Amino acid sequence: MLSIRDCLDYCDVTDDEVALIAEHEDIPDVAAAQVVCGLVQTPEGVMVLTQFMVELIERANARGDVEKARRAAKVCERFMADHPLPH
């Protein structure tokens, strides 16, 4: 039986990326891991995940939570480097 860690490693996503999606969607990390692993398989899904992360950064900035925005931006940058969108 595969563990969540096995799935995340297979999909090349991090715990931090899953945590951001879980926060955006207000779902448990386990459910977010399933969502992320499915969406990351297509360019359209990568675009959706990137947009979710950008929205979290914007929300944190709007609240004045600079530290949260900085951390989320770092996670988003890594995600975008690992999963570049085609032009």
PDB file of N, CA and C in Angstrom:
ATOM      1  N   MET A   1       0.844  -1.178   0.000  1.00  0.00           N
ATOM      2  CA  MET A   1       0.000   0.000   0.000  1.00  0.00           C
ATOM      3  C   MET A   1       0.890   1.243   0.000  1.00  0.00           C
ATOM      4  N   LEU A   2       0.537   2.212  -0.842  1.00  0.00           N
ATOM      5  CA  LEU A   2       1.310   3.443  -0.925  1.00  0.00           C
ATOM      6  C   LEU A   2       0.943   4.385   0.223  1.00  0.00           C
ATOM      7  N   SER A   3       1.948   5.055   0.721  1.00  0.00           N
ATOM      8  CA  SER A   3       1.710   6.074   1.738  1.00  0.00           C
ATOM      9  C   SER A   3       1.533   7.423   1.053  1.00  0.00           C
ATOM     10  N   ILE A   4       1.078   8.400   1.807  1.00  0.00           N
ATOM     11  CA  ILE A   4       0.968   9.758   1.272  1.00  0.00           C
ATOM     12  C   ILE A   4       2.340  10.240   0.821  1.00  0.00           C
ATOM     13  N   ARG A   5       3.373   9.914   1.579  1.00  0.00           N
ATOM     14  CA  ARG A   5       4.734  10.320   1.230  1.00  0.00           C
ATOM     15  C   ARG A   5       5.127   9.738  -0.126  1.00  0.00           C
ATOM     16  N   ASP A   6       4.797   8.468  -0.352  1.00  0.00           N
ATOM     17  CA  ASP A   6       5.088   7.846  -1.643  1.00  0.00           C
ATOM     18  C   ASP A   6       4.402   8.598  -2.782  1.00  0.00           C
ATOM     19  N   CYS A   7       3.153   8.958  -2.572  1.00  0.00           N
ATOM     20  CA  CYS A   7       2.403   9.683  -3.601  1.00  0.00           C
ATOM     21  C   CYS A   7       3.016  11.055  -3.857  1.00  0.00           C
ATOM     22  N   LEU A   8       3.372  11.769  -2.800  1.00  0.00           N
ATOM     23  CA  LEU A   8       3.961  13.096  -2.967  1.00  0.00           C
ATOM     24  C   LEU A   8       5.298  13.010  -3.684  1.00  0.00           C
ATOM     25  N   ASP A   9       6.085  12.019  -3.323  1.00  0.00           N
ATOM     26  CA  ASP A   9       7.373  11.841  -3.997  1.00  0.00           C
ATOM     27  C   ASP A   9       7.175  11.513  -5.473  1.00  0.00           C
ATOM     28  N   TYR A  10       6.210  10.667  -5.760  1.00  0.00           N
ATOM     29  CA  TYR A  10       5.923  10.299  -7.145  1.00  0.00           C
ATOM     30  C   TYR A  10       5.482  11.513  -7.961  1.00  0.00           C
ATOM     31  N   CYS A  11       4.666  12.366  -7.357  1.00  0.00           N
ATOM     32  CA  CYS A  11       4.140  13.546  -8.049  1.00  0.00           C
ATOM     33  C   CYS A  11       5.100  14.723  -8.018  1.00  0.00           C
ATOM     34  N   ASP A  12       6.191  14.589  -7.300  1.00  0.00           N
ATOM     35  CA  ASP A  12       7.202  15.643  -7.179  1.00  0.00           C
ATOM     36  C   ASP A  12       6.616  16.921  -6.584  1.00  0.00           C
ATOM     37  N   VAL A  13       5.896  16.769  -5.472  1.00  0.00           N
ATOM     38  CA  VAL A  13       5.381  17.914  -4.730  1.00  0.00           C
ATOM     39  C   VAL A  13       5.844  17.802  -3.280  1.00  0.00           C
ATOM     40  N   THR A  14       5.887  18.936  -2.615  1.00  0.00           N
ATOM     41  CA  THR A  14       6.384  18.974  -1.240  1.00  0.00           C
ATOM     42  C   THR A  14       5.232  19.076  -0.251  1.00  0.00           C
ATOM     43  N   ASP A  15       5.559  18.784   0.995  1.00  0.00           N
ATOM     44  CA  ASP A  15       4.584  18.947   2.071  1.00  0.00           C
ATOM     45  C   ASP A  15       4.118  20.399   2.164  1.00  0.00           C
ATOM     46  N   ASP A  16       5.031  21.332   1.968  1.00  0.00           N
ATOM     47  CA  ASP A  16       4.679  22.751   2.038  1.00  0.00           C
ATOM     48  C   ASP A  16       3.695  23.136   0.941  1.00  0.00           C
ATOM     49  N   GLU A  17       3.885  22.598  -0.243  1.00  0.00           N
ATOM     50  CA  GLU A  17       2.963  22.880  -1.352  1.00  0.00           C
ATOM     51  C   GLU A  17       1.579  22.327  -1.036  1.00  0.00           C
ATOM     52  N   VAL A  18       1.539  21.119  -0.515  1.00  0.00           N
ATOM     53  CA  VAL A  18       0.265  20.504  -0.137  1.00  0.00           C
ATOM     54  C   VAL A  18      -0.401  21.321   0.971  1.00  0.00           C
ATOM     55  N   ALA A  19       0.382  21.789   1.939  1.00  0.00           N
ATOM     56  CA  ALA A  19      -0.173  22.577   3.036  1.00  0.00           C
ATOM     57  C   ALA A  19      -0.813  23.871   2.533  1.00  0.00           C
ATOM     58  N   LEU A  20      -0.187  24.512   1.540  1.00  0.00           N
ATOM     59  CA  LEU A  20      -0.774  25.734   0.984  1.00  0.00           C
ATOM     60  C   LEU A  20      -2.106  25.439   0.301  1.00  0.00           C
ATOM     61  N   ILE A  21      -2.167  24.348  -0.441  1.00  0.00           N
ATOM     62  CA  ILE A  21      -3.414  23.997  -1.122  1.00  0.00           C
ATOM     63  C   ILE A  21      -4.480  23.612  -0.095  1.00  0.00           C
ATOM     64  N   ALA A  22      -4.083  22.904   0.942  1.00  0.00           N
ATOM     65  CA  ALA A  22      -5.021  22.547   2.013  1.00  0.00           C
ATOM     66  C   ALA A  22      -5.601  23.809   2.646  1.00  0.00           C
ATOM     67  N   GLU A  23      -4.744  24.790   2.881  1.00  0.00           N
ATOM     68  CA  GLU A  23      -5.212  26.051   3.457  1.00  0.00           C
ATOM     69  C   GLU A  23      -6.138  26.777   2.483  1.00  0.00           C
ATOM     70  N   HIS A  24      -5.760  26.849   1.230  1.00  0.00           N
ATOM     71  CA  HIS A  24      -6.579  27.547   0.229  1.00  0.00           C
ATOM     72  C   HIS A  24      -7.960  26.926   0.115  1.00  0.00           C
ATOM     73  N   GLU A  25      -8.004  25.618   0.088  1.00  0.00           N
ATOM     74  CA  GLU A  25      -9.263  24.900  -0.107  1.00  0.00           C
ATOM     75  C   GLU A  25      -9.972  24.570   1.208  1.00  0.00           C
ATOM     76  N   ASP A  26      -9.317  24.859   2.332  1.00  0.00           N
ATOM     77  CA  ASP A  26      -9.861  24.567   3.666  1.00  0.00           C
ATOM     78  C   ASP A  26     -10.236  23.087   3.795  1.00  0.00           C
ATOM     79  N   ILE A  27      -9.251  22.247   3.443  1.00  0.00           N
ATOM     80  CA  ILE A  27      -9.424  20.802   3.531  1.00  0.00           C
ATOM     81  C   ILE A  27      -8.220  20.208   4.264  1.00  0.00           C
ATOM     82  N   PRO A  28      -8.343  18.984   4.774  1.00  0.00           N
ATOM     83  CA  PRO A  28      -7.203  18.348   5.438  1.00  0.00           C
ATOM     84  C   PRO A  28      -6.045  18.109   4.458  1.00  0.00           C
ATOM     85  N   ASP A  29      -4.849  18.021   5.000  1.00  0.00           N
ATOM     86  CA  ASP A  29      -3.665  17.801   4.178  1.00  0.00           C
ATOM     87  C   ASP A  29      -3.764  16.529   3.332  1.00  0.00           C
ATOM     88  N   VAL A  30      -4.349  15.480   3.898  1.00  0.00           N
ATOM     89  CA  VAL A  30      -4.468  14.213   3.160  1.00  0.00           C
ATOM     90  C   VAL A  30      -5.327  14.411   1.913  1.00  0.00           C
ATOM     91  N   ALA A  31      -6.426  15.128   2.050  1.00  0.00           N
ATOM     92  CA  ALA A  31      -7.279  15.397   0.900  1.00  0.00           C
ATOM     93  C   ALA A  31      -6.566  16.307  -0.095  1.00  0.00           C
ATOM     94  N   ALA A  32      -5.849  17.305   0.419  1.00  0.00           N
ATOM     95  CA  ALA A  32      -5.107  18.215  -0.456  1.00  0.00           C
ATOM     96  C   ALA A  32      -4.037  17.461  -1.233  1.00  0.00           C
ATOM     97  N   ALA A  33      -3.404  16.489  -0.604  1.00  0.00           N
ATOM     98  CA  ALA A  33      -2.381  15.699  -1.289  1.00  0.00           C
ATOM     99  C   ALA A  33      -2.979  14.988  -2.496  1.00  0.00           C
ATOM    100  N   GLN A  34      -4.172  14.466  -2.345  1.00  0.00           N
ATOM    101  CA  GLN A  34      -4.834  13.795  -3.459  1.00  0.00           C
ATOM    102  C   GLN A  34      -5.168  14.782  -4.573  1.00  0.00           C
ATOM    103  N   VAL A  35      -5.657  15.946  -4.191  1.00  0.00           N
ATOM    104  CA  VAL A  35      -5.989  16.982  -5.172  1.00  0.00           C
ATOM    105  C   VAL A  35      -4.735  17.409  -5.927  1.00  0.00           C
ATOM    106  N   VAL A  36      -3.672  17.704  -5.181  1.00  0.00           N
ATOM    107  CA  VAL A  36      -2.427  18.170  -5.789  1.00  0.00           C
ATOM    108  C   VAL A  36      -1.858  17.113  -6.732  1.00  0.00           C
ATOM    109  N   CYS A  37      -1.813  15.871  -6.290  1.00  0.00           N
ATOM    110  CA  CYS A  37      -1.247  14.810  -7.132  1.00  0.00           C
ATOM    111  C   CYS A  37      -2.037  14.628  -8.417  1.00  0.00           C
ATOM    112  N   GLY A  38      -3.331  14.856  -8.365  1.00  0.00           N
ATOM    113  CA  GLY A  38      -4.128  14.772  -9.584  1.00  0.00           C
ATOM    114  C   GLY A  38      -3.907  15.968 -10.493  1.00  0.00           C
ATOM    115  N   LEU A  39      -3.943  17.168  -9.923  1.00  0.00           N
ATOM    116  CA  LEU A  39      -3.826  18.375 -10.738  1.00  0.00           C
ATOM    117  C   LEU A  39      -2.441  18.564 -11.337  1.00  0.00           C
ATOM    118  N   VAL A  40      -1.420  18.144 -10.645  1.00  0.00           N
ATOM    119  CA  VAL A  40      -0.056  18.389 -11.120  1.00  0.00           C
ATOM    120  C   VAL A  40       0.282  17.577 -12.369  1.00  0.00           C
ATOM    121  N   GLN A  41      -0.597  16.682 -12.750  1.00  0.00           N
ATOM    122  CA  GLN A  41      -0.351  15.825 -13.913  1.00  0.00           C
ATOM    123  C   GLN A  41      -0.589  16.518 -15.245  1.00  0.00           C
ATOM    124  N   THR A  42      -1.267  17.679 -15.231  1.00  0.00           N
ATOM    125  CA  THR A  42      -1.567  18.372 -16.484  1.00  0.00           C
ATOM    126  C   THR A  42      -1.135  19.836 -16.395  1.00  0.00           C
ATOM    127  N   PRO A  43      -0.842  20.459 -17.529  1.00  0.00           N
ATOM    128  CA  PRO A  43      -0.506  21.887 -17.510  1.00  0.00           C
ATOM    129  C   PRO A  43      -1.639  22.738 -16.925  1.00  0.00           C
ATOM    130  N   GLU A  44      -2.869  22.383 -17.244  1.00  0.00           N
ATOM    131  CA  GLU A  44      -4.008  23.128 -16.707  1.00  0.00           C
ATOM    132  C   GLU A  44      -4.078  22.998 -15.192  1.00  0.00           C
ATOM    133  N   GLY A  45      -3.795  21.809 -14.694  1.00  0.00           N
ATOM    134  CA  GLY A  45      -3.790  21.592 -13.251  1.00  0.00           C
ATOM    135  C   GLY A  45      -2.675  22.362 -12.562  1.00  0.00           C
ATOM    136  N   VAL A  46      -1.522  22.406 -13.193  1.00  0.00           N
ATOM    137  CA  VAL A  46      -0.397  23.183 -12.636  1.00  0.00           C
ATOM    138  C   VAL A  46      -0.779  24.657 -12.576  1.00  0.00           C
ATOM    139  N   MET A  47      -1.482  25.142 -13.603  1.00  0.00           N
ATOM    140  CA  MET A  47      -1.931  26.533 -13.595  1.00  0.00           C
ATOM    141  C   MET A  47      -2.900  26.789 -12.444  1.00  0.00           C
ATOM    142  N   VAL A  48      -3.804  25.862 -12.194  1.00  0.00           N
ATOM    143  CA  VAL A  48      -4.761  25.999 -11.090  1.00  0.00           C
ATOM    144  C   VAL A  48      -4.017  26.037  -9.760  1.00  0.00           C
ATOM    145  N   LEU A  49      -3.097  25.114  -9.551  1.00  0.00           N
ATOM    146  CA  LEU A  49      -2.350  25.078  -8.293  1.00  0.00           C
ATOM    147  C   LEU A  49      -1.539  26.349  -8.097  1.00  0.00           C
ATOM    148  N   THR A  50      -0.912  26.829  -9.160  1.00  0.00           N
ATOM    149  CA  THR A  50      -0.149  28.071  -9.079  1.00  0.00           C
ATOM    150  C   THR A  50      -1.063  29.228  -8.697  1.00  0.00           C
ATOM    151  N   GLN A  51      -2.227  29.296  -9.305  1.00  0.00           N
ATOM    152  CA  GLN A  51      -3.176  30.366  -8.997  1.00  0.00           C
ATOM    153  C   GLN A  51      -3.629  30.299  -7.539  1.00  0.00           C
ATOM    154  N   PHE A  52      -3.870  29.097  -7.029  1.00  0.00           N
ATOM    155  CA  PHE A  52      -4.245  28.950  -5.618  1.00  0.00           C
ATOM    156  C   PHE A  52      -3.158  29.525  -4.719  1.00  0.00           C
ATOM    157  N   MET A  53      -1.903  29.221  -5.034  1.00  0.00           N
ATOM    158  CA  MET A  53      -0.791  29.712  -4.217  1.00  0.00           C
ATOM    159  C   MET A  53      -0.675  31.227  -4.302  1.00  0.00           C
ATOM    160  N   VAL A  54      -0.839  31.763  -5.493  1.00  0.00           N
ATOM    161  CA  VAL A  54      -0.774  33.222  -5.678  1.00  0.00           C
ATOM    162  C   VAL A  54      -1.896  33.891  -4.885  1.00  0.00           C
ATOM    163  N   GLU A  55      -3.075  33.312  -4.900  1.00  0.00           N
ATOM    164  CA  GLU A  55      -4.193  33.867  -4.132  1.00  0.00           C
ATOM    165  C   GLU A  55      -3.883  33.892  -2.641  1.00  0.00           C
ATOM    166  N   LEU A  56      -3.248  32.851  -2.134  1.00  0.00           N
ATOM    167  CA  LEU A  56      -2.877  32.834  -0.715  1.00  0.00           C
ATOM    168  C   LEU A  56      -1.862  33.925  -0.398  1.00  0.00           C
ATOM    169  N   ILE A  57      -0.917  34.139  -1.293  1.00  0.00           N
ATOM    170  CA  ILE A  57       0.074  35.203  -1.108  1.00  0.00           C
ATOM    171  C   ILE A  57      -0.637  36.552  -1.062  1.00  0.00           C
ATOM    172  N   GLU A  58      -1.550  36.770  -2.000  1.00  0.00           N
ATOM    173  CA  GLU A  58      -2.295  38.032  -2.054  1.00  0.00           C
ATOM    174  C   GLU A  58      -3.130  38.241  -0.793  1.00  0.00           C
ATOM    175  N   ARG A  59      -3.779  37.184  -0.322  1.00  0.00           N
ATOM    176  CA  ARG A  59      -4.579  37.295   0.911  1.00  0.00           C
ATOM    177  C   ARG A  59      -3.704  37.654   2.103  1.00  0.00           C
ATOM    178  N   ALA A  60      -2.561  37.005   2.205  1.00  0.00           N
ATOM    179  CA  ALA A  60      -1.650  37.291   3.322  1.00  0.00           C
ATOM    180  C   ALA A  60      -1.168  38.736   3.256  1.00  0.00           C
ATOM    181  N   ASN A  61      -0.827  39.198   2.068  1.00  0.00           N
ATOM    182  CA  ASN A  61      -0.412  40.597   1.910  1.00  0.00           C
ATOM    183  C   ASN A  61      -1.535  41.555   2.278  1.00  0.00           C
ATOM    184  N   ALA A  62      -2.758  41.241   1.867  1.00  0.00           N
ATOM    185  CA  ALA A  62      -3.905  42.103   2.164  1.00  0.00           C
ATOM    186  C   ALA A  62      -4.160  42.194   3.667  1.00  0.00           C
ATOM    187  N   ARG A  63      -3.870  41.111   4.390  1.00  0.00           N
ATOM    188  CA  ARG A  63      -4.033  41.108   5.850  1.00  0.00           C
ATOM    189  C   ARG A  63      -2.849  41.750   6.563  1.00  0.00           C
ATOM    190  N   GLY A  64      -1.796  42.023   5.806  1.00  0.00           N
ATOM    191  CA  GLY A  64      -0.592  42.573   6.418  1.00  0.00           C
ATOM    192  C   GLY A  64       0.296  41.511   7.033  1.00  0.00           C
ATOM    193  N   ASP A  65       0.048  40.261   6.710  1.00  0.00           N
ATOM    194  CA  ASP A  65       0.858  39.151   7.233  1.00  0.00           C
ATOM    195  C   ASP A  65       2.033  38.924   6.283  1.00  0.00           C
ATOM    196  N   VAL A  66       3.032  39.777   6.413  1.00  0.00           N
ATOM    197  CA  VAL A  66       4.178  39.776   5.504  1.00  0.00           C
ATOM    198  C   VAL A  66       4.962  38.468   5.597  1.00  0.00           C
ATOM    199  N   GLU A  67       5.124  37.950   6.781  1.00  0.00           N
ATOM    200  CA  GLU A  67       5.893  36.710   6.963  1.00  0.00           C
ATOM    201  C   GLU A  67       5.194  35.536   6.258  1.00  0.00           C
ATOM    202  N   LYS A  68       3.890  35.437   6.425  1.00  0.00           N
ATOM    203  CA  LYS A  68       3.129  34.366   5.764  1.00  0.00           C
ATOM    204  C   LYS A  68       3.226  34.517   4.239  1.00  0.00           C
ATOM    205  N   ALA A  69       3.109  35.740   3.753  1.00  0.00           N
ATOM    206  CA  ALA A  69       3.213  35.982   2.315  1.00  0.00           C
ATOM    207  C   ALA A  69       4.595  35.599   1.810  1.00  0.00           C
ATOM    208  N   ARG A  70       5.622  35.915   2.570  1.00  0.00           N
ATOM    209  CA  ARG A  70       6.990  35.582   2.173  1.00  0.00           C
ATOM    210  C   ARG A  70       7.182  34.070   2.093  1.00  0.00           C
ATOM    211  N   ARG A  71       6.713  33.357   3.114  1.00  0.00           N
ATOM    212  CA  ARG A  71       6.843  31.890   3.121  1.00  0.00           C
ATOM    213  C   ARG A  71       6.069  31.265   1.964  1.00  0.00           C
ATOM    214  N   ALA A  72       4.846  31.735   1.748  1.00  0.00           N
ATOM    215  CA  ALA A  72       4.024  31.200   0.660  1.00  0.00           C
ATOM    216  C   ALA A  72       4.660  31.495  -0.696  1.00  0.00           C
ATOM    217  N   ALA A  73       5.238  32.681  -0.843  1.00  0.00           N
ATOM    218  CA  ALA A  73       5.896  33.039  -2.109  1.00  0.00           C
ATOM    219  C   ALA A  73       7.090  32.132  -2.365  1.00  0.00           C
ATOM    220  N   LYS A  74       7.816  31.801  -1.329  1.00  0.00           N
ATOM    221  CA  LYS A  74       8.970  30.909  -1.477  1.00  0.00           C
ATOM    222  C   LYS A  74       8.513  29.520  -1.935  1.00  0.00           C
ATOM    223  N   VAL A  75       7.444  29.031  -1.328  1.00  0.00           N
ATOM    224  CA  VAL A  75       6.901  27.724  -1.721  1.00  0.00           C
ATOM    225  C   VAL A  75       6.401  27.780  -3.165  1.00  0.00           C
ATOM    226  N   CYS A  76       5.717  28.856  -3.513  1.00  0.00           N
ATOM    227  CA  CYS A  76       5.193  29.016  -4.871  1.00  0.00           C
ATOM    228  C   CYS A  76       6.329  29.075  -5.890  1.00  0.00           C
ATOM    229  N   GLU A  77       7.386  29.792  -5.571  1.00  0.00           N
ATOM    230  CA  GLU A  77       8.528  29.882  -6.484  1.00  0.00           C
ATOM    231  C   GLU A  77       9.144  28.514  -6.739  1.00  0.00           C
ATOM    232  N   ARG A  78       9.273  27.728  -5.688  1.00  0.00           N
ATOM    233  CA  ARG A  78       9.835  26.384  -5.865  1.00  0.00           C
ATOM    234  C   ARG A  78       8.911  25.521  -6.712  1.00  0.00           C
ATOM    235  N   PHE A  79       7.601  25.618  -6.424  1.00  0.00           N
ATOM    236  CA  PHE A  79       6.631  24.847  -7.200  1.00  0.00           C
ATOM    237  C   PHE A  79       6.729  25.203  -8.679  1.00  0.00           C
ATOM    238  N   MET A  80       6.797  26.498  -8.967  1.00  0.00           N
ATOM    239  CA  MET A  80       6.868  26.950 -10.357  1.00  0.00           C
ATOM    240  C   MET A  80       8.177  26.507 -11.024  1.00  0.00           C
ATOM    241  N   ALA A  81       9.253  26.451 -10.262  1.00  0.00           N
ATOM    242  CA  ALA A  81      10.538  25.977 -10.821  1.00  0.00           C
ATOM    243  C   ALA A  81      10.469  24.478 -11.120  1.00  0.00           C
ATOM    244  N   ASP A  82       9.811  23.727 -10.230  1.00  0.00           N
ATOM    245  CA  ASP A  82       9.708  22.273 -10.408  1.00  0.00           C
ATOM    246  C   ASP A  82       8.666  21.893 -11.455  1.00  0.00           C
ATOM    247  N   HIS A  83       7.685  22.759 -11.662  1.00  0.00           N
ATOM    248  CA  HIS A  83       6.583  22.456 -12.579  1.00  0.00           C
ATOM    249  C   HIS A  83       6.347  23.656 -13.490  1.00  0.00           C
ATOM    250  N   PRO A  84       7.290  23.919 -14.398  1.00  0.00           N
ATOM    251  CA  PRO A  84       7.160  25.094 -15.272  1.00  0.00           C
ATOM    252  C   PRO A  84       5.980  24.946 -16.220  1.00  0.00           C
ATOM    253  N   LEU A  85       5.340  26.074 -16.462  1.00  0.00           N
ATOM    254  CA  LEU A  85       4.195  26.100 -17.380  1.00  0.00           C
ATOM    255  C   LEU A  85       4.724  26.259 -18.803  1.00  0.00           C
ATOM    256  N   PRO A  86       4.107  25.540 -19.750  1.00  0.00           N
ATOM    257  CA  PRO A  86       4.528  25.720 -21.143  1.00  0.00           C
ATOM    258  C   PRO A  86       4.088  27.091 -21.651  1.00  0.00           C
ATOM    259  N   HIS A  87       4.850  27.633 -22.580  1.00  0.00           N
ATOM    260  CA  HIS A  87       4.510  28.949 -23.127  1.00  0.00           C
ATOM    261  C   HIS A  87       3.823  28.802 -24.456  1.00  0.00           C
TER     262      HIS A  87
END
